[in-house]
Amino acid sequence: MPSKRVTPDFDTEHRYYQELADFFSVFMDPTRLKILHVLMDGEKCVKKISELVGLNQSACSHQLRTLKHHGLVKSKREGKFIRYFICDEHISEIIEIGSIHIGEKKR
């Protein structure tokens, strides 16, 4: 895990913190967190994700669009199916760190 923290200069500070807040706001939805957790095991199509998360495919697709818009997941087409996957390890690390933090609070 990188130890260097990005420190914005004064002119971009507000924009930086707004982007950071927008990024973390995506994690505030339990359904999106479930989807990300499912995708931590590897790429999957909407049908499989919706089954694992307990959503209908339309609602699952809506959440996946949000995650994709915010750069947390990517997709690729395979024939008539679209498969989704976490865009990079940082997303998985954020979820893992959050899980560790929750576990520590319960001790």
Foldseek 3Di string as FASTA:
>chain_A
DDPDDDDDDPVCVVVVVVLVVVLVVLVVDPLLLLLQVVQVVHKDFLVVSCVSSVHPSVVSVVNVVVCVVNQQKDWDDDPPTIIIHGRDCVSVVVSVVVVVVVVVVVD
